[in-house]
PDB file of all heavy atoms in Angstrom:
ATOM      1  N   PHE A   1    -103.835 127.030 174.938  1.00  0.00           N
ATOM      2  CA  PHE A   1    -102.700 127.675 174.302  1.00  0.00           C
ATOM      3  C   PHE A   1    -102.782 127.567 172.789  1.00  0.00           C
ATOM      4  O   PHE A   1    -102.529 128.516 172.034  1.00  0.00           O
ATOM      5  CB  PHE A   1    -101.409 127.097 174.833  1.00  0.00           C
ATOM      6  CG  PHE A   1    -100.161 127.740 174.275  1.00  0.00           C
ATOM      7  CD1 PHE A   1     -99.763 128.963 174.651  1.00  0.00           C
ATOM      8  CD2 PHE A   1     -99.457 127.012 173.248  1.00  0.00           C
ATOM      9  CE1 PHE A   1     -98.635 129.527 174.082  1.00  0.00           C
ATOM     10  CE2 PHE A   1     -98.350 127.585 172.708  1.00  0.00           C
ATOM     11  CZ  PHE A   1     -97.910 128.844 173.132  1.00  0.00           C
ATOM     12  N   CYS A   2    -103.099 126.372 172.283  1.00  0.00           N
ATOM     13  CA  CYS A   2    -103.220 126.147 170.837  1.00  0.00           C
ATOM     14  C   CYS A   2    -104.351 126.976 170.274  1.00  0.00           C
ATOM     15  O   CYS A   2    -104.200 127.554 169.209  1.00  0.00           O
ATOM     16  CB  CYS A   2    -103.409 124.661 170.541  1.00  0.00           C
ATOM     17  SG  CYS A   2    -101.932 123.621 170.919  1.00  0.00           S
ATOM     18  N   SER A   3    -105.482 127.043 170.991  1.00  0.00           N
ATOM     19  CA  SER A   3    -106.618 127.807 170.522  1.00  0.00           C
ATOM     20  C   SER A   3    -106.220 129.293 170.443  1.00  0.00           C
ATOM     21  O   SER A   3    -106.641 129.995 169.472  1.00  0.00           O
ATOM     22  CB  SER A   3    -107.805 127.633 171.463  1.00  0.00           C
ATOM     23  OG  SER A   3    -108.228 126.295 171.451  1.00  0.00           O
ATOM     24  N   LEU A   4    -105.496 129.760 171.390  1.00  0.00           N
ATOM     25  CA  LEU A   4    -105.106 131.170 171.381  1.00  0.00           C
ATOM     26  C   LEU A   4    -104.176 131.450 170.257  1.00  0.00           C
ATOM     27  O   LEU A   4    -104.318 132.498 169.583  1.00  0.00           O
ATOM     28  CB  LEU A   4    -104.491 131.566 172.724  1.00  0.00           C
ATOM     29  CG  LEU A   4    -104.058 133.020 172.887  1.00  0.00           C
ATOM     30  CD1 LEU A   4    -105.213 133.947 172.748  1.00  0.00           C
ATOM     31  CD2 LEU A   4    -103.386 133.207 174.285  1.00  0.00           C
ATOM     32  N   ALA A   5    -103.296 130.548 169.962  1.00  0.00           N
ATOM     33  CA  ALA A   5    -102.378 130.779 168.850  1.00  0.00           C
ATOM     34  C   ALA A   5    -103.062 130.848 167.532  1.00  0.00           C
ATOM     35  O   ALA A   5    -102.761 131.645 166.634  1.00  0.00           O
ATOM     36  CB  ALA A   5    -101.321 129.641 168.882  1.00  0.00           C
ATOM     37  N   VAL A   6    -104.059 129.969 167.316  1.00  0.00           N
ATOM     38  CA  VAL A   6    -104.830 129.934 166.071  1.00  0.00           C
ATOM     39  C   VAL A   6    -105.564 131.267 165.954  1.00  0.00           C
ATOM     40  O   VAL A   6    -105.622 131.854 164.877  1.00  0.00           O
ATOM     41  CB  VAL A   6    -105.782 128.779 166.078  1.00  0.00           C
ATOM     42  CG1 VAL A   6    -106.729 128.794 164.864  1.00  0.00           C
ATOM     43  CG2 VAL A   6    -104.995 127.461 166.014  1.00  0.00           C
ATOM     44  N   LEU A   7    -106.186 131.686 167.034  1.00  0.00           N
ATOM     45  CA  LEU A   7    -106.968 132.932 167.032  1.00  0.00           C
ATOM     46  C   LEU A   7    -106.106 134.105 166.643  1.00  0.00           C
ATOM     47  O   LEU A   7    -106.516 134.981 165.848  1.00  0.00           O
ATOM     48  CB  LEU A   7    -107.651 133.133 168.409  1.00  0.00           C
ATOM     49  CG  LEU A   7    -108.514 134.394 168.501  1.00  0.00           C
ATOM     50  CD1 LEU A   7    -109.677 134.324 167.455  1.00  0.00           C
ATOM     51  CD2 LEU A   7    -109.132 134.456 169.913  1.00  0.00           C
ATOM     52  N   MET A   8    -104.907 134.173 167.201  1.00  0.00           N
ATOM     53  CA  MET A   8    -104.002 135.296 166.878  1.00  0.00           C
ATOM     54  C   MET A   8    -103.599 135.246 165.443  1.00  0.00           C
ATOM     55  O   MET A   8    -103.463 136.271 164.786  1.00  0.00           O
ATOM     56  CB  MET A   8    -102.760 135.182 167.779  1.00  0.00           C
ATOM     57  CG  MET A   8    -103.058 135.501 169.253  1.00  0.00           C
ATOM     58  SD  MET A   8    -101.574 135.363 170.259  1.00  0.00           S
ATOM     59  CE  MET A   8    -100.639 136.675 169.577  1.00  0.00           C
ATOM     60  N   GLN A   9    -103.422 134.117 164.852  1.00  0.00           N
ATOM     61  CA  GLN A   9    -103.037 133.998 163.425  1.00  0.00           C
ATOM     62  C   GLN A   9    -104.172 134.486 162.543  1.00  0.00           C
ATOM     63  O   GLN A   9    -104.004 135.187 161.571  1.00  0.00           O
ATOM     64  CB  GLN A   9    -102.690 132.567 163.143  1.00  0.00           C
ATOM     65  CG  GLN A   9    -102.242 132.326 161.714  1.00  0.00           C
ATOM     66  CD  GLN A   9    -100.924 133.012 161.412  1.00  0.00           C
ATOM     67  OE1 GLN A   9    -100.031 132.989 162.203  1.00  0.00           O
ATOM     68  NE2 GLN A   9    -100.803 133.574 160.196  1.00  0.00           N
ATOM     69  N   VAL A  10    -105.408 134.148 162.990  1.00  0.00           N
ATOM     70  CA  VAL A  10    -106.537 134.557 162.174  1.00  0.00           C
ATOM     71  C   VAL A  10    -106.678 136.092 162.232  1.00  0.00           C
ATOM     72  O   VAL A  10    -106.952 136.738 161.218  1.00  0.00           O
ATOM     73  CB  VAL A  10    -107.826 133.888 162.754  1.00  0.00           C
ATOM     74  CG1 VAL A  10    -109.047 134.458 162.036  1.00  0.00           C
ATOM     75  CG2 VAL A  10    -107.746 132.369 162.452  1.00  0.00           C
ATOM     76  N   CYS A  11    -106.488 136.616 163.383  1.00  0.00           N
ATOM     77  CA  CYS A  11    -106.625 138.123 163.470  1.00  0.00           C
ATOM     78  C   CYS A  11    -105.552 138.796 162.691  1.00  0.00           C
ATOM     79  O   CYS A  11    -105.770 139.847 162.070  1.00  0.00           O
ATOM     80  CB  CYS A  11    -106.491 138.521 164.981  1.00  0.00           C
ATOM     81  SG  CYS A  11    -107.945 138.087 165.927  1.00  0.00           S
ATOM     82  N   SER A  12    -104.401 138.209 162.641  1.00  0.00           N
ATOM     83  CA  SER A  12    -103.293 138.825 161.863  1.00  0.00           C
ATOM     84  C   SER A  12    -103.617 138.853 160.404  1.00  0.00           C
ATOM     85  O   SER A  12    -103.418 139.805 159.701  1.00  0.00           O
ATOM     86  CB  SER A  12    -102.030 138.060 162.203  1.00  0.00           C
ATOM     87  OG  SER A  12    -100.959 138.602 161.366  1.00  0.00           O
ATOM     88  N   ASN A  13    -104.194 137.698 159.964  1.00  0.00           N
ATOM     89  CA  ASN A  13    -104.581 137.666 158.523  1.00  0.00           C
ATOM     90  C   ASN A  13    -105.664 138.671 158.228  1.00  0.00           C
ATOM     91  O   ASN A  13    -105.650 139.310 157.140  1.00  0.00           O
ATOM     92  CB  ASN A  13    -105.017 136.260 158.180  1.00  0.00           C
ATOM     93  CG  ASN A  13    -103.882 135.236 158.248  1.00  0.00           C
ATOM     94  OD1 ASN A  13    -102.696 135.609 158.087  1.00  0.00           O
ATOM     95  ND2 ASN A  13    -104.189 133.993 158.463  1.00  0.00           N
ATOM     96  N   LEU A  14    -106.594 138.827 159.064  1.00  0.00           N
ATOM     97  CA  LEU A  14    -107.703 139.782 158.825  1.00  0.00           C
ATOM     98  C   LEU A  14    -107.216 141.179 158.768  1.00  0.00           C
ATOM     99  O   LEU A  14    -107.627 142.022 157.969  1.00  0.00           O
ATOM    100  CB  LEU A  14    -108.765 139.647 159.929  1.00  0.00           C
ATOM    101  CG  LEU A  14    -109.611 138.361 159.870  1.00  0.00           C
ATOM    102  CD1 LEU A  14    -110.544 138.278 161.089  1.00  0.00           C
ATOM    103  CD2 LEU A  14    -110.413 138.245 158.630  1.00  0.00           C
ATOM    104  N   GLU A  15    -106.202 141.555 159.593  1.00  0.00           N
ATOM    105  CA  GLU A  15    -105.661 142.917 159.571  1.00  0.00           C
ATOM    106  C   GLU A  15    -104.946 143.161 158.323  1.00  0.00           C
ATOM    107  O   GLU A  15    -105.007 144.284 157.748  1.00  0.00           O
ATOM    108  CB  GLU A  15    -104.762 143.129 160.792  1.00  0.00           C
ATOM    109  CG  GLU A  15    -105.562 143.216 162.089  1.00  0.00           C
ATOM    110  CD  GLU A  15    -104.623 143.333 163.292  1.00  0.00           C
ATOM    111  OE1 GLU A  15    -103.402 143.324 163.094  1.00  0.00           O
ATOM    112  OE2 GLU A  15    -105.119 143.523 164.416  1.00  0.00           O
ATOM    113  N   VAL A  16    -104.214 142.131 157.804  1.00  0.00           N
ATOM    114  CA  VAL A  16    -103.538 142.324 156.493  1.00  0.00           C
ATOM    115  C   VAL A  16    -104.550 142.575 155.377  1.00  0.00           C
ATOM    116  O   VAL A  16    -104.305 143.464 154.527  1.00  0.00           O
ATOM    117  CB  VAL A  16    -102.640 141.094 156.195  1.00  0.00           C
ATOM    118  CG1 VAL A  16    -102.095 141.132 154.790  1.00  0.00           C
ATOM    119  CG2 VAL A  16    -101.579 140.982 157.215  1.00  0.00           C
ATOM    120  N   ASP A  17    -105.612 141.837 155.407  1.00  0.00           N
ATOM    121  CA  ASP A  17    -106.640 142.051 154.396  1.00  0.00           C
ATOM    122  C   ASP A  17    -107.257 143.432 154.491  1.00  0.00           C
ATOM    123  O   ASP A  17    -107.566 144.058 153.473  1.00  0.00           O
ATOM    124  CB  ASP A  17    -107.741 140.983 154.513  1.00  0.00           C
ATOM    125  CG  ASP A  17    -107.196 139.566 154.196  1.00  0.00           C
ATOM    126  OD1 ASP A  17    -106.157 139.512 153.501  1.00  0.00           O
ATOM    127  OD2 ASP A  17    -107.833 138.624 154.598  1.00  0.00           O
ATOM    128  N   ALA A  18    -107.443 143.883 155.725  1.00  0.00           N
ATOM    129  CA  ALA A  18    -108.033 145.203 155.872  1.00  0.00           C
ATOM    130  C   ALA A  18    -107.156 146.276 155.347  1.00  0.00           C
ATOM    131  O   ALA A  18    -107.617 147.280 154.805  1.00  0.00           O
ATOM    132  CB  ALA A  18    -108.352 145.412 157.403  1.00  0.00           C
ATOM    133  N   GLU A  19    -105.844 146.149 155.463  1.00  0.00           N
ATOM    134  CA  GLU A  19    -104.945 147.139 154.909  1.00  0.00           C
ATOM    135  C   GLU A  19    -105.012 147.156 153.436  1.00  0.00           C
ATOM    136  O   GLU A  19    -104.892 148.190 152.767  1.00  0.00           O
ATOM    137  CB  GLU A  19    -103.533 146.873 155.413  1.00  0.00           C
ATOM    138  CG  GLU A  19    -103.388 147.142 156.897  1.00  0.00           C
ATOM    139  CD  GLU A  19    -101.960 146.813 157.371  1.00  0.00           C
ATOM    140  OE1 GLU A  19    -101.174 146.338 156.504  1.00  0.00           O
ATOM    141  OE2 GLU A  19    -101.664 147.022 158.566  1.00  0.00           O
ATOM    142  N   GLU A  20    -105.150 145.976 152.832  1.00  0.00           N
ATOM    143  CA  GLU A  20    -105.168 145.864 151.375  1.00  0.00           C
ATOM    144  C   GLU A  20    -106.540 146.333 150.849  1.00  0.00           C
ATOM    145  O   GLU A  20    -106.576 146.940 149.770  1.00  0.00           O
ATOM    146  CB  GLU A  20    -104.915 144.436 150.931  1.00  0.00           C
ATOM    147  CG  GLU A  20    -103.499 143.947 151.237  1.00  0.00           C
ATOM    148  CD  GLU A  20    -103.285 142.506 150.863  1.00  0.00           C
ATOM    149  OE1 GLU A  20    -104.286 141.805 150.427  1.00  0.00           O
ATOM    150  OE2 GLU A  20    -102.151 142.034 150.968  1.00  0.00           O
ATOM    151  N   ASP A  21    -107.633 146.101 151.607  1.00  0.00           N
ATOM    152  CA  ASP A  21    -108.928 146.562 151.143  1.00  0.00           C
ATOM    153  C   ASP A  21    -109.607 147.284 152.276  1.00  0.00           C
ATOM    154  O   ASP A  21    -110.364 146.753 153.039  1.00  0.00           O
ATOM    155  CB  ASP A  21    -109.768 145.314 150.753  1.00  0.00           C
ATOM    156  CG  ASP A  21    -111.101 145.698 150.130  1.00  0.00           C
ATOM    157  OD1 ASP A  21    -111.261 146.943 149.878  1.00  0.00           O
ATOM    158  OD2 ASP A  21    -111.938 144.820 149.864  1.00  0.00           O
ATOM    159  N   PRO A  22    -109.303 148.629 152.335  1.00  0.00           N
ATOM    160  CA  PRO A  22    -109.907 149.407 153.430  1.00  0.00           C
ATOM    161  C   PRO A  22    -111.393 149.574 153.319  1.00  0.00           C
ATOM    162  O   PRO A  22    -112.090 150.012 154.255  1.00  0.00           O
ATOM    163  CB  PRO A  22    -109.179 150.734 153.365  1.00  0.00           C
ATOM    164  CG  PRO A  22    -108.685 150.874 151.967  1.00  0.00           C
ATOM    165  CD  PRO A  22    -108.428 149.454 151.473  1.00  0.00           C
ATOM    166  N   GLN A  23    -112.077 149.300 152.197  1.00  0.00           N
ATOM    167  CA  GLN A  23    -113.467 149.432 152.025  1.00  0.00           C
ATOM    168  C   GLN A  23    -114.256 148.379 152.713  1.00  0.00           C
ATOM    169  O   GLN A  23    -115.481 148.433 152.879  1.00  0.00           O
ATOM    170  CB  GLN A  23    -113.852 149.484 150.521  1.00  0.00           C
ATOM    171  CG  GLN A  23    -113.149 150.572 149.747  1.00  0.00           C
ATOM    172  CD  GLN A  23    -113.595 151.926 150.219  1.00  0.00           C
ATOM    173  OE1 GLN A  23    -114.752 152.102 150.614  1.00  0.00           O
ATOM    174  NE2 GLN A  23    -112.640 152.879 150.219  1.00  0.00           N
ATOM    175  N   THR A  24    -113.591 147.320 153.070  1.00  0.00           N
ATOM    176  CA  THR A  24    -114.320 146.215 153.663  1.00  0.00           C
ATOM    177  C   THR A  24    -114.396 146.401 155.143  1.00  0.00           C
ATOM    178  O   THR A  24    -113.356 146.394 155.845  1.00  0.00           O
ATOM    179  CB  THR A  24    -113.547 144.878 153.394  1.00  0.00           C
ATOM    180  OG1 THR A  24    -113.392 144.716 151.996  1.00  0.00           O
ATOM    181  CG2 THR A  24    -114.332 143.669 153.951  1.00  0.00           C
ATOM    182  N   PRO A  25    -115.593 146.702 155.651  1.00  0.00           N
ATOM    183  CA  PRO A  25    -115.762 146.998 157.074  1.00  0.00           C
ATOM    184  C   PRO A  25    -115.893 145.735 157.918  1.00  0.00           C
ATOM    185  O   PRO A  25    -116.249 144.670 157.410  1.00  0.00           O
ATOM    186  CB  PRO A  25    -117.079 147.782 157.123  1.00  0.00           C
ATOM    187  CG  PRO A  25    -117.870 147.236 155.999  1.00  0.00           C
ATOM    188  CD  PRO A  25    -116.901 146.877 154.924  1.00  0.00           C
ATOM    189  N   GLY A  26    -115.538 145.926 159.123  1.00  0.00           N
ATOM    190  CA  GLY A  26    -115.814 144.890 160.133  1.00  0.00           C
ATOM    191  C   GLY A  26    -115.010 143.645 160.030  1.00  0.00           C
ATOM    192  O   GLY A  26    -115.399 142.614 160.530  1.00  0.00           O
ATOM    193  N   ARG A  27    -113.786 143.739 159.340  1.00  0.00           N
ATOM    194  CA  ARG A  27    -113.004 142.492 159.186  1.00  0.00           C
ATOM    195  C   ARG A  27    -111.819 142.488 160.088  1.00  0.00           C
ATOM    196  O   ARG A  27    -111.085 141.521 160.128  1.00  0.00           O
ATOM    197  CB  ARG A  27    -112.564 142.306 157.705  1.00  0.00           C
ATOM    198  CG  ARG A  27    -113.725 142.169 156.755  1.00  0.00           C
ATOM    199  CD  ARG A  27    -113.202 141.970 155.359  1.00  0.00           C
ATOM    200  NE  ARG A  27    -112.400 140.740 155.257  1.00  0.00           N
ATOM    201  CZ  ARG A  27    -111.796 140.359 154.149  1.00  0.00           C
ATOM    202  NH1 ARG A  27    -111.854 141.117 153.055  1.00  0.00           N
ATOM    203  NH2 ARG A  27    -111.096 139.238 154.135  1.00  0.00           N
ATOM    204  N   SER A  28    -111.615 143.618 160.847  1.00  0.00           N
ATOM    205  CA  SER A  28    -110.452 143.606 161.759  1.00  0.00           C
ATOM    206  C   SER A  28    -110.719 142.766 162.973  1.00  0.00           C
ATOM    207  O   SER A  28    -111.876 142.627 163.361  1.00  0.00           O
ATOM    208  CB  SER A  28    -110.043 145.028 162.152  1.00  0.00           C
ATOM    209  OG  SER A  28    -111.092 145.545 162.947  1.00  0.00           O
ATOM    210  N   CYS A  29    -109.620 142.351 163.568  1.00  0.00           N
ATOM    211  CA  CYS A  29    -109.754 141.537 164.775  1.00  0.00           C
ATOM    212  C   CYS A  29    -110.296 142.378 165.912  1.00  0.00           C
ATOM    213  O   CYS A  29    -111.037 141.886 166.707  1.00  0.00           O
ATOM    214  CB  CYS A  29    -108.394 140.961 165.146  1.00  0.00           C
ATOM    215  SG  CYS A  29    -108.390 139.906 166.646  1.00  0.00           S
ATOM    216  N   ALA A  30    -109.919 143.663 165.874  1.00  0.00           N
ATOM    217  CA  ALA A  30    -110.432 144.551 166.955  1.00  0.00           C
ATOM    218  C   ALA A  30    -111.918 144.683 166.896  1.00  0.00           C
ATOM    219  O   ALA A  30    -112.598 144.595 167.899  1.00  0.00           O
ATOM    220  CB  ALA A  30    -109.727 145.923 166.888  1.00  0.00           C
ATOM    221  N   ASN A  31    -112.395 144.850 165.562  1.00  0.00           N
ATOM    222  CA  ASN A  31    -113.832 144.948 165.449  1.00  0.00           C
ATOM    223  C   ASN A  31    -114.542 143.661 165.773  1.00  0.00           C
ATOM    224  O   ASN A  31    -115.615 143.581 166.322  1.00  0.00           O
ATOM    225  CB  ASN A  31    -114.226 145.403 164.064  1.00  0.00           C
ATOM    226  CG  ASN A  31    -113.763 146.859 163.800  1.00  0.00           C
ATOM    227  OD1 ASN A  31    -113.646 147.611 164.732  1.00  0.00           O
ATOM    228  ND2 ASN A  31    -113.528 147.162 162.527  1.00  0.00           N
ATOM    229  N   TRP A  32    -113.888 142.639 165.418  1.00  0.00           N
ATOM    230  CA  TRP A  32    -114.473 141.316 165.621  1.00  0.00           C
ATOM    231  C   TRP A  32    -114.547 140.960 167.065  1.00  0.00           C
ATOM    232  O   TRP A  32    -115.477 140.368 167.528  1.00  0.00           O
ATOM    233  CB  TRP A  32    -113.675 140.250 164.824  1.00  0.00           C
ATOM    234  CG  TRP A  32    -114.184 138.898 165.000  1.00  0.00           C
ATOM    235  CD1 TRP A  32    -115.324 138.322 164.503  1.00  0.00           C
ATOM    236  CD2 TRP A  32    -113.534 137.890 165.719  1.00  0.00           C
ATOM    237  NE1 TRP A  32    -115.471 137.061 164.843  1.00  0.00           N
ATOM    238  CE2 TRP A  32    -114.326 136.743 165.667  1.00  0.00           C
ATOM    239  CE3 TRP A  32    -112.360 137.874 166.472  1.00  0.00           C
ATOM    240  CZ2 TRP A  32    -113.960 135.535 166.280  1.00  0.00           C
ATOM    241  CZ3 TRP A  32    -112.040 136.673 167.059  1.00  0.00           C
ATOM    242  CH2 TRP A  32    -112.846 135.515 166.996  1.00  0.00           C
ATOM    243  N   MET A  33    -113.473 141.440 167.805  1.00  0.00           N
ATOM    244  CA  MET A  33    -113.432 141.095 169.203  1.00  0.00           C
ATOM    245  C   MET A  33    -113.922 142.267 170.063  1.00  0.00           C
ATOM    246  O   MET A  33    -113.889 142.139 171.260  1.00  0.00           O
ATOM    247  CB  MET A  33    -111.952 140.845 169.620  1.00  0.00           C
ATOM    248  CG  MET A  33    -111.435 139.566 168.946  1.00  0.00           C
ATOM    249  SD  MET A  33    -109.744 139.230 169.496  1.00  0.00           S
ATOM    250  CE  MET A  33    -110.071 138.877 171.184  1.00  0.00           C
ATOM    251  N   GLY A  34    -114.475 143.347 169.490  1.00  0.00           N
ATOM    252  CA  GLY A  34    -114.870 144.543 170.331  1.00  0.00           C
ATOM    253  C   GLY A  34    -116.108 144.233 171.153  1.00  0.00           C
ATOM    254  O   GLY A  34    -117.042 143.620 170.647  1.00  0.00           O
ATOM    255  N   GLY A  35    -116.033 144.724 172.423  1.00  0.00           N
ATOM    256  CA  GLY A  35    -117.148 144.489 173.293  1.00  0.00           C
ATOM    257  C   GLY A  35    -118.006 145.798 173.441  1.00  0.00           C
ATOM    258  O   GLY A  35    -117.831 146.742 172.659  1.00  0.00           O
ATOM    259  N   ALA A  36    -118.860 145.848 174.405  1.00  0.00           N
ATOM    260  CA  ALA A  36    -119.686 147.023 174.636  1.00  0.00           C
ATOM    261  C   ALA A  36    -118.856 148.169 175.228  1.00  0.00           C
ATOM    262  O   ALA A  36    -117.868 147.921 175.957  1.00  0.00           O
ATOM    263  CB  ALA A  36    -120.811 146.639 175.642  1.00  0.00           C
ATOM    264  N   PRO A  37    -119.110 149.473 174.915  1.00  0.00           N
ATOM    265  CA  PRO A  37    -118.374 150.647 175.418  1.00  0.00           C
ATOM    266  C   PRO A  37    -118.388 150.677 176.934  1.00  0.00           C
ATOM    267  O   PRO A  37    -119.402 150.368 177.580  1.00  0.00           O
ATOM    268  CB  PRO A  37    -119.064 151.840 174.817  1.00  0.00           C
ATOM    269  CG  PRO A  37    -119.845 151.297 173.667  1.00  0.00           C
ATOM    270  CD  PRO A  37    -120.205 149.897 173.973  1.00  0.00           C
TER     271      PRO A  37
END
């Protein structure tokens, strides 16, 4: 549970950064956690 909470906080921070700097690719949690199609 604690590991999941930390992970969610990290993803949230990454999404905020992505909104502030859209030129930076691959920093969203979705991209970081994306699997094969």
